[in-house]
């Protein structure tokens, strides 16, 4: 294992690939308002020092992220806080009837799945402990190619709600990620704000 691997992966369980889904797989994040709330909440948790963000993507009904957690945080605390903050802010959103109906559908789905009627997210989340640079590279590529696989964009960097553009060296990013991993990059990504 190279020294960089040892430095990042020296503490078992410190780097996680996380997936969490909206209850009922409802497409809550299919508009700019709810996406902006998620981005703001993720940025808040990052700035507070809960984790170092290595990669992320927000899709219509789920998110993936790779985080190196702070020593004093568990992955359950990190994901729980992010989901709680996001649900709270979306609940306060003064949005049109279509968005409000979508949010209500997600909450009804939560009530059916867990008996809790006010939550937005499924109560569980998936977390994979990343133990090597190879696995980290694989998961970052998986995250960044998610919108491509769904047919939403042709290239990963074109998806606004993702860290793919940061890995390509673009300056128009929503949330900074750990630049240590820019070597993974997507060659040929243009710089600028023309996407």
Foldseek 3Di string as FASTA:
>chain_A
DDPVLCVQQVDFPQKKKKKWWWQPNQQLPPDDVLLVLLLVLVQVLVVVQQWAWAKKFDGRTMIITITRGDPPDHVCRSVVSSQVSSLVVLVVDPDDPVSVVSQQVSLVSCCVVPVGRSGGINPDMDMDTDNGPVVVLVSRVVRLCVCCVVVNDVGSLVRQGICLVVLQVEDPHSHDHDCVPSVSHDPPDDYDDPD
